[in-house]
């Protein structure tokens, strides 16, 4: 039982960990709209990008691939008002 609990805890931590990446902001052709429930990020560029959202409280969310013209969804600011600071670029996957 202890082994199963340890595995589940490690899996949960991996999901909650912030995405590894630089601090480079997304280009100006990437736009976002945040609500309390969702943050929609639209890639209006001609190039695909791996993106993540930076929140005021430092919450980390996994990177998402956004093809040209695509919209990807991240968590919103929530009932506590955790604001979106910006959209950042992520490094390519390993």
N, C-alpha and C. Protein backbone atom coordinates (compact mmCIF):
# COMPACT_ATOMS: atom_id res chain seq x y z
N UNK A 1 0.82 -1.20 0.00
CA UNK A 1 0.00 0.00 0.00
C UNK A 1 0.86 1.26 0.00
N UNK A 2 1.94 1.24 0.76
CA UNK A 2 2.82 2.40 0.82
C UNK A 2 3.44 2.69 -0.54
N UNK A 3 3.80 1.64 -1.28
CA UNK A 3 4.38 1.83 -2.60
C UNK A 3 3.38 2.49 -3.54
N UNK A 4 2.15 2.06 -3.53
CA UNK A 4 1.12 2.64 -4.39
C UNK A 4 0.92 4.10 -4.04
N UNK A 5 0.86 4.42 -2.77
CA UNK A 5 0.68 5.80 -2.35
C UNK A 5 1.85 6.67 -2.80
N UNK A 6 3.06 6.14 -2.69
CA UNK A 6 4.23 6.88 -3.14
C UNK A 6 4.18 7.14 -4.63
N UNK A 7 3.79 6.15 -5.41
CA UNK A 7 3.69 6.32 -6.86
C UNK A 7 2.64 7.36 -7.21
N UNK A 8 1.49 7.31 -6.56
CA UNK A 8 0.44 8.29 -6.83
C UNK A 8 0.89 9.69 -6.45
N UNK A 9 1.59 9.81 -5.34
CA UNK A 9 2.07 11.12 -4.92
C UNK A 9 3.08 11.66 -5.92
N UNK A 10 3.98 10.83 -6.41
CA UNK A 10 4.97 11.27 -7.39
C UNK A 10 4.28 11.66 -8.69
N UNK A 11 3.28 10.92 -9.11
CA UNK A 11 2.56 11.26 -10.35
C UNK A 11 1.83 12.58 -10.18
N UNK A 12 1.23 12.81 -9.04
CA UNK A 12 0.53 14.07 -8.80
C UNK A 12 1.49 15.24 -8.78
N UNK A 13 2.67 15.03 -8.20
CA UNK A 13 3.66 16.10 -8.16
C UNK A 13 4.16 16.44 -9.56
N UNK A 14 4.31 15.43 -10.40
CA UNK A 14 4.77 15.68 -11.77
C UNK A 14 3.77 16.52 -12.54
N UNK A 15 2.49 16.29 -12.30
CA UNK A 15 1.48 17.06 -13.00
C UNK A 15 1.43 18.50 -12.50
N UNK A 16 1.71 18.73 -11.25
CA UNK A 16 1.60 20.06 -10.68
C UNK A 16 2.88 20.88 -10.86
N UNK A 17 3.97 20.21 -11.23
CA UNK A 17 5.24 20.93 -11.36
C UNK A 17 5.20 21.92 -12.52
N UNK A 18 5.83 23.07 -12.36
CA UNK A 18 5.86 24.03 -13.45
C UNK A 18 6.66 23.48 -14.62
N UNK A 19 6.29 23.89 -15.79
CA UNK A 19 6.99 23.45 -16.99
C UNK A 19 8.38 24.06 -17.01
N UNK A 20 9.34 23.24 -17.35
CA UNK A 20 10.71 23.74 -17.46
C UNK A 20 10.80 24.63 -18.69
N UNK A 21 11.42 25.72 -18.55
CA UNK A 21 11.54 26.59 -19.71
C UNK A 21 12.18 27.90 -19.35
N UNK A 22 12.37 28.68 -20.36
CA UNK A 22 12.99 29.97 -20.17
C UNK A 22 11.98 30.99 -19.70
N UNK A 23 12.42 32.21 -19.72
CA UNK A 23 11.58 33.30 -19.27
C UNK A 23 11.19 34.18 -20.45
N UNK A 24 11.32 33.65 -21.66
CA UNK A 24 11.07 34.43 -22.86
C UNK A 24 9.58 34.59 -23.11
N UNK A 25 9.12 35.83 -23.27
CA UNK A 25 7.69 36.04 -23.54
C UNK A 25 7.32 35.54 -24.94
N UNK A 26 6.07 35.18 -25.08
CA UNK A 26 5.56 34.78 -26.39
C UNK A 26 5.58 35.99 -27.32
N UNK A 27 5.67 35.77 -28.63
CA UNK A 27 5.66 36.90 -29.57
C UNK A 27 4.32 37.64 -29.54
N UNK A 28 4.32 38.85 -30.06
CA UNK A 28 3.12 39.69 -30.02
C UNK A 28 1.94 39.11 -30.80
N UNK A 29 2.18 38.16 -31.70
CA UNK A 29 1.08 37.56 -32.45
C UNK A 29 0.37 36.46 -31.65
N UNK A 30 0.81 36.21 -30.42
CA UNK A 30 0.13 35.28 -29.51
C UNK A 30 -0.71 36.13 -28.55
N UNK A 31 -1.99 35.83 -28.46
CA UNK A 31 -2.92 36.61 -27.64
C UNK A 31 -3.61 35.71 -26.62
N UNK A 32 -4.02 36.28 -25.50
CA UNK A 32 -4.77 35.50 -24.52
C UNK A 32 -5.97 36.28 -24.01
N UNK A 33 -6.95 35.51 -23.55
CA UNK A 33 -8.13 36.07 -22.89
C UNK A 33 -8.39 35.21 -21.67
N UNK A 34 -8.38 35.82 -20.49
CA UNK A 34 -8.54 35.08 -19.24
C UNK A 34 -9.90 35.35 -18.61
N UNK A 35 -10.51 34.29 -18.12
CA UNK A 35 -11.72 34.38 -17.31
C UNK A 35 -11.43 33.63 -16.01
N UNK A 36 -12.37 33.60 -15.10
CA UNK A 36 -12.12 32.91 -13.84
C UNK A 36 -11.92 31.42 -14.05
N UNK A 37 -12.48 30.86 -15.12
CA UNK A 37 -12.39 29.42 -15.33
C UNK A 37 -11.31 29.00 -16.33
N UNK A 38 -11.16 29.74 -17.42
CA UNK A 38 -10.21 29.35 -18.47
C UNK A 38 -9.39 30.55 -18.93
N UNK A 39 -8.19 30.23 -19.43
CA UNK A 39 -7.38 31.21 -20.15
C UNK A 39 -7.18 30.63 -21.55
N UNK A 40 -7.73 31.31 -22.54
CA UNK A 40 -7.61 30.88 -23.93
C UNK A 40 -6.45 31.64 -24.56
N UNK A 41 -5.51 30.87 -25.12
CA UNK A 41 -4.34 31.45 -25.77
C UNK A 41 -4.41 31.11 -27.26
N UNK A 42 -4.40 32.15 -28.09
CA UNK A 42 -4.52 31.97 -29.54
C UNK A 42 -3.20 32.32 -30.21
N UNK A 43 -2.75 31.40 -31.05
CA UNK A 43 -1.53 31.62 -31.82
C UNK A 43 -1.92 32.18 -33.18
N UNK A 44 -1.78 33.47 -33.36
CA UNK A 44 -2.08 34.13 -34.64
C UNK A 44 -0.81 34.29 -35.48
N UNK A 45 0.23 33.56 -35.13
CA UNK A 45 1.50 33.62 -35.85
C UNK A 45 1.51 32.60 -37.00
N UNK A 46 2.54 32.66 -37.82
CA UNK A 46 2.72 31.71 -38.91
C UNK A 46 3.54 30.49 -38.48
N UNK A 47 3.96 30.45 -37.23
CA UNK A 47 4.81 29.39 -36.70
C UNK A 47 4.15 28.75 -35.49
N UNK A 48 4.33 27.44 -35.33
CA UNK A 48 3.85 26.75 -34.14
C UNK A 48 4.75 27.11 -32.96
N UNK A 49 4.16 27.21 -31.77
CA UNK A 49 4.91 27.50 -30.55
C UNK A 49 4.45 26.59 -29.43
N UNK A 50 5.40 26.28 -28.51
CA UNK A 50 5.05 25.63 -27.24
C UNK A 50 4.92 26.75 -26.23
N UNK A 51 3.77 26.80 -25.55
CA UNK A 51 3.44 27.94 -24.70
C UNK A 51 3.01 27.50 -23.32
N UNK A 52 3.19 28.39 -22.36
CA UNK A 52 2.63 28.22 -21.03
C UNK A 52 2.18 29.59 -20.54
N UNK A 53 1.40 29.60 -19.48
CA UNK A 53 0.87 30.85 -18.91
C UNK A 53 1.52 31.08 -17.56
N UNK A 54 1.91 32.32 -17.30
CA UNK A 54 2.48 32.71 -16.02
C UNK A 54 1.41 33.41 -15.19
N UNK A 55 1.25 32.95 -13.93
CA UNK A 55 0.23 33.49 -13.03
C UNK A 55 0.87 34.32 -11.92
N UNK A 56 0.08 35.22 -11.34
CA UNK A 56 0.62 36.09 -10.29
C UNK A 56 1.13 35.33 -9.08
N UNK A 57 0.55 34.18 -8.76
CA UNK A 57 1.01 33.43 -7.59
C UNK A 57 2.08 32.39 -7.92
N UNK A 58 2.55 32.36 -9.18
CA UNK A 58 3.61 31.44 -9.57
C UNK A 58 3.15 30.02 -9.90
N UNK A 59 1.85 29.79 -9.95
CA UNK A 59 1.34 28.47 -10.30
C UNK A 59 1.95 28.03 -11.63
N UNK A 60 2.46 26.81 -11.66
CA UNK A 60 3.03 26.27 -12.89
C UNK A 60 2.03 25.40 -13.63
N UNK A 61 1.95 25.57 -14.92
CA UNK A 61 1.09 24.72 -15.74
C UNK A 61 1.92 24.16 -16.89
N UNK A 62 1.58 22.96 -17.35
CA UNK A 62 2.35 22.34 -18.44
C UNK A 62 2.29 23.16 -19.72
N UNK A 63 3.31 22.99 -20.53
CA UNK A 63 3.36 23.64 -21.84
C UNK A 63 2.39 22.96 -22.79
N UNK A 64 1.87 23.73 -23.72
CA UNK A 64 0.96 23.22 -24.75
C UNK A 64 1.47 23.67 -26.10
N UNK A 65 1.34 22.80 -27.09
CA UNK A 65 1.72 23.13 -28.47
C UNK A 65 0.56 23.86 -29.12
N UNK A 66 0.83 25.01 -29.71
CA UNK A 66 -0.20 25.79 -30.41
C UNK A 66 0.23 25.96 -31.86
N UNK A 67 -0.46 25.30 -32.76
CA UNK A 67 -0.20 25.44 -34.18
C UNK A 67 -0.69 26.81 -34.65
N UNK A 68 -0.23 27.28 -35.81
CA UNK A 68 -0.72 28.56 -36.32
C UNK A 68 -2.25 28.56 -36.44
N UNK A 69 -2.87 29.59 -35.91
CA UNK A 69 -4.33 29.73 -35.96
C UNK A 69 -5.07 28.97 -34.87
N UNK A 70 -4.37 28.19 -34.05
CA UNK A 70 -5.01 27.36 -33.02
C UNK A 70 -5.16 28.13 -31.70
N UNK A 71 -6.14 27.71 -30.92
CA UNK A 71 -6.33 28.21 -29.57
C UNK A 71 -6.15 27.05 -28.60
N UNK A 72 -5.34 27.24 -27.56
CA UNK A 72 -5.15 26.24 -26.52
C UNK A 72 -5.68 26.82 -25.22
N UNK A 73 -6.07 25.94 -24.31
CA UNK A 73 -6.73 26.37 -23.08
C UNK A 73 -5.89 26.00 -21.86
N UNK A 74 -5.80 26.95 -20.94
CA UNK A 74 -5.13 26.78 -19.66
C UNK A 74 -6.12 27.13 -18.56
N UNK A 75 -5.79 26.84 -17.29
CA UNK A 75 -6.69 27.26 -16.21
C UNK A 75 -6.86 28.78 -16.18
N UNK A 76 -8.00 29.22 -15.70
CA UNK A 76 -8.27 30.64 -15.55
C UNK A 76 -7.71 31.17 -14.24
N UNK A 77 -8.13 32.37 -13.88
CA UNK A 77 -7.59 32.98 -12.67
C UNK A 77 -8.28 32.50 -11.40
N UNK A 78 -9.40 31.78 -11.52
CA UNK A 78 -10.06 31.18 -10.37
C UNK A 78 -10.78 32.18 -9.50
N UNK A 79 -11.52 31.66 -8.52
CA UNK A 79 -12.30 32.54 -7.65
C UNK A 79 -11.43 33.41 -6.74
N UNK A 80 -10.15 33.03 -6.58
CA UNK A 80 -9.24 33.81 -5.74
C UNK A 80 -8.56 34.95 -6.48
N UNK A 81 -8.85 35.07 -7.79
CA UNK A 81 -8.28 36.18 -8.55
C UNK A 81 -6.81 36.02 -8.90
N UNK A 82 -6.35 34.78 -9.09
CA UNK A 82 -4.96 34.52 -9.47
C UNK A 82 -4.76 34.98 -10.91
N UNK A 83 -4.32 36.18 -11.11
CA UNK A 83 -4.25 36.79 -12.43
C UNK A 83 -3.21 36.19 -13.35
N UNK A 84 -3.48 36.32 -14.63
CA UNK A 84 -2.52 35.92 -15.66
C UNK A 84 -1.58 37.09 -15.90
N UNK A 85 -0.28 36.85 -15.81
CA UNK A 85 0.72 37.88 -16.01
C UNK A 85 1.08 37.98 -17.49
N UNK A 86 1.34 36.81 -18.11
CA UNK A 86 1.73 36.78 -19.52
C UNK A 86 1.76 35.35 -20.01
N UNK A 87 1.96 35.23 -21.33
CA UNK A 87 2.19 33.92 -21.96
C UNK A 87 3.67 33.83 -22.27
N UNK A 88 4.28 32.68 -21.94
CA UNK A 88 5.71 32.47 -22.17
C UNK A 88 5.94 31.35 -23.15
N UNK A 89 7.09 31.41 -23.83
CA UNK A 89 7.52 30.32 -24.70
C UNK A 89 8.13 29.21 -23.84
N UNK A 90 7.98 27.97 -24.30
CA UNK A 90 8.59 26.82 -23.65
C UNK A 90 9.66 26.25 -24.57
N UNK A 91 10.64 25.56 -23.99
CA UNK A 91 11.65 24.93 -24.83
C UNK A 91 11.04 23.75 -25.59
N UNK A 92 11.68 23.32 -26.66
CA UNK A 92 11.17 22.14 -27.38
C UNK A 92 11.21 20.92 -26.47
N UNK A 93 10.32 19.94 -26.71
CA UNK A 93 10.34 18.72 -25.88
C UNK A 93 11.63 17.94 -26.11
N UNK A 94 12.00 17.18 -25.14
CA UNK A 94 13.26 16.39 -25.24
C UNK A 94 13.05 15.20 -26.12
